Amino acid sequence: MNNDNNDDRDYSDMSSSLRATYELKPGVSVYSEGGVSLRRHTRRVDNNGLKRSSDGVSGSVGARFELGRLIRADAAVGVVHRNYRDA
């Protein structure tokens, strides 16, 4: 019988983001987006003795193109940084 306990993997992830968009011309717009994320594990310390909760921030910039009524394209590049309670 296998008694592996995985309760230490349970967590809540609360996140929020904000996007600002500027329309260059009809059908072409650019945007910038930023967000925060709070990840909280149900158990403060996991089975290995690590504190796995973390805080994160993200940012991206991109462009949106409308190529007719039915086709839209979105291209973006971004970065995410996460700070864990335990190194």
C-alpha atoms as a PDB file:
ATOM      1  CA  MET A   1       0.000   0.000   0.000  1.00  0.00           C
ATOM      2  CA  ASN A   2       1.359   3.428  -0.985  1.00  0.00           C
ATOM      3  CA  ASN A   3       0.901   6.158   1.665  1.00  0.00           C
ATOM      4  CA  ASP A   4       2.148   9.118  -0.355  1.00  0.00           C
ATOM      5  CA  ASN A   5       0.632  12.287   1.063  1.00  0.00           C
ATOM      6  CA  ASN A   6       0.291  15.195  -1.377  1.00  0.00           C
ATOM      7  CA  ASP A   7      -1.604  17.703   0.848  1.00  0.00           C
ATOM      8  CA  ASP A   8       1.445  19.971   0.758  1.00  0.00           C
ATOM      9  CA  ARG A   9       0.734  20.678  -2.942  1.00  0.00           C
ATOM     10  CA  ASP A  10      -2.636  22.373  -2.303  1.00  0.00           C
ATOM     11  CA  TYR A  11      -2.556  26.144  -2.794  1.00  0.00           C
ATOM     12  CA  SER A  12      -4.621  29.212  -3.668  1.00  0.00           C
ATOM     13  CA  ASP A  13      -3.406  31.582  -6.371  1.00  0.00           C
ATOM     14  CA  MET A  14      -4.852  35.091  -6.238  1.00  0.00           C
ATOM     15  CA  SER A  15      -3.873  37.257  -9.184  1.00  0.00           C
ATOM     16  CA  SER A  16      -4.774  40.531 -10.789  1.00  0.00           C
ATOM     17  CA  SER A  17      -3.629  42.312 -13.946  1.00  0.00           C
ATOM     18  CA  LEU A  18      -4.150  45.612 -15.687  1.00  0.00           C
ATOM     19  CA  ARG A  19      -3.816  46.344 -19.404  1.00  0.00           C
ATOM     20  CA  ALA A  20      -3.520  49.712 -21.133  1.00  0.00           C
ATOM     21  CA  THR A  21      -4.150  49.809 -24.885  1.00  0.00           C
ATOM     22  CA  TYR A  22      -3.502  52.517 -27.474  1.00  0.00           C
ATOM     23  CA  GLU A  23      -5.046  52.308 -30.927  1.00  0.00           C
ATOM     24  CA  LEU A  24      -2.520  53.415 -33.550  1.00  0.00           C
ATOM     25  CA  LYS A  25      -5.043  53.183 -36.384  1.00  0.00           C
ATOM     26  CA  PRO A  26      -8.214  51.158 -36.952  1.00  0.00           C
ATOM     27  CA  GLY A  27      -7.315  47.490 -36.639  1.00  0.00           C
ATOM     28  CA  VAL A  28      -3.846  48.052 -35.097  1.00  0.00           C
ATOM     29  CA  SER A  29      -3.243  48.652 -31.398  1.00  0.00           C
ATOM     30  CA  VAL A  30      -0.372  48.298 -28.937  1.00  0.00           C
ATOM     31  CA  TYR A  31      -0.645  47.486 -25.260  1.00  0.00           C
ATOM     32  CA  SER A  32       1.235  47.145 -22.010  1.00  0.00           C
ATOM     33  CA  GLU A  33       0.135  44.783 -19.265  1.00  0.00           C
ATOM     34  CA  GLY A  34       1.251  44.261 -15.665  1.00  0.00           C
ATOM     35  CA  GLY A  35       0.128  41.879 -12.975  1.00  0.00           C
ATOM     36  CA  VAL A  36       0.674  40.534  -9.477  1.00  0.00           C
ATOM     37  CA  SER A  37       0.157  37.024  -8.127  1.00  0.00           C
ATOM     38  CA  LEU A  38      -0.002  35.768  -4.543  1.00  0.00           C
ATOM     39  CA  ARG A  39       0.379  31.985  -4.212  1.00  0.00           C
ATOM     40  CA  ARG A  40      -0.427  30.645  -0.734  1.00  0.00           C
ATOM     41  CA  HIS A  41      -0.018  26.967   0.111  1.00  0.00           C
ATOM     42  CA  THR A  42      -2.507  25.405   2.501  1.00  0.00           C
ATOM     43  CA  ARG A  43       0.327  23.984   4.594  1.00  0.00           C
ATOM     44  CA  ARG A  44       2.912  26.576   5.610  1.00  0.00           C
ATOM     45  CA  VAL A  45       5.752  24.009   5.398  1.00  0.00           C
ATOM     46  CA  ASP A  46       5.708  21.091   2.923  1.00  0.00           C
ATOM     47  CA  ASN A  47       6.737  17.450   3.503  1.00  0.00           C
ATOM     48  CA  ASN A  48      10.373  18.361   2.723  1.00  0.00           C
ATOM     49  CA  GLY A  49      10.470  21.228   5.218  1.00  0.00           C
ATOM     50  CA  LEU A  50      10.233  23.976   2.564  1.00  0.00           C
ATOM     51  CA  LYS A  51       8.039  27.084   2.609  1.00  0.00           C
ATOM     52  CA  ARG A  52       6.584  26.992  -0.917  1.00  0.00           C
ATOM     53  CA  SER A  53       4.322  30.074  -0.875  1.00  0.00           C
ATOM     54  CA  SER A  54       5.397  32.896  -3.181  1.00  0.00           C
ATOM     55  CA  ASP A  55       4.668  36.337  -4.618  1.00  0.00           C
ATOM     56  CA  GLY A  56       5.017  37.154  -8.297  1.00  0.00           C
ATOM     57  CA  VAL A  57       4.936  40.088 -10.694  1.00  0.00           C
ATOM     58  CA  SER A  58       4.641  40.054 -14.470  1.00  0.00           C
ATOM     59  CA  GLY A  59       4.840  42.512 -17.316  1.00  0.00           C
ATOM     60  CA  SER A  60       4.398  42.388 -21.070  1.00  0.00           C
ATOM     61  CA  VAL A  61       4.080  44.555 -24.160  1.00  0.00           C
ATOM     62  CA  GLY A  62       2.370  43.568 -27.350  1.00  0.00           C
ATOM     63  CA  ALA A  63       0.376  44.455 -30.417  1.00  0.00           C
ATOM     64  CA  ARG A  64      -3.010  43.395 -31.755  1.00  0.00           C
ATOM     65  CA  PHE A  65      -3.923  43.300 -35.430  1.00  0.00           C
ATOM     66  CA  GLU A  66      -7.387  42.862 -36.901  1.00  0.00           C
ATOM     67  CA  LEU A  67      -7.125  41.289 -40.348  1.00  0.00           C
ATOM     68  CA  GLY A  68     -10.742  41.539 -41.380  1.00  0.00           C
ATOM     69  CA  ARG A  69     -13.873  40.808 -39.398  1.00  0.00           C
ATOM     70  CA  LEU A  70     -13.021  37.217 -38.497  1.00  0.00           C
ATOM     71  CA  ILE A  71      -9.249  37.153 -38.027  1.00  0.00           C
ATOM     72  CA  ARG A  72      -7.329  38.786 -35.183  1.00  0.00           C
ATOM     73  CA  ALA A  73      -3.669  38.307 -34.289  1.00  0.00           C
ATOM     74  CA  ASP A  74      -2.028  39.105 -30.975  1.00  0.00           C
ATOM     75  CA  ALA A  75       1.758  39.121 -30.437  1.00  0.00           C
ATOM     76  CA  ALA A  76       3.441  39.855 -27.112  1.00  0.00           C
ATOM     77  CA  VAL A  77       6.649  39.456 -25.150  1.00  0.00           C
ATOM     78  CA  GLY A  78       6.849  39.483 -21.381  1.00  0.00           C
ATOM     79  CA  VAL A  79       8.613  38.506 -18.198  1.00  0.00           C
ATOM     80  CA  VAL A  80       7.540  36.903 -14.905  1.00  0.00           C
ATOM     81  CA  HIS A  81       9.423  37.097 -11.622  1.00  0.00           C
ATOM     82  CA  ARG A  82       8.461  34.968  -8.615  1.00  0.00           C
ATOM     83  CA  ASN A  83       9.870  35.367  -5.087  1.00  0.00           C
ATOM     84  CA  TYR A  84       9.589  32.189  -2.993  1.00  0.00           C
ATOM     85  CA  ARG A  85       9.431  32.205   0.806  1.00  0.00           C
ATOM     86  CA  ASP A  86      12.239  29.634   0.915  1.00  0.00           C
ATOM     87  CA  ALA A  87      15.273  30.066  -1.302  1.00  0.00           C
END
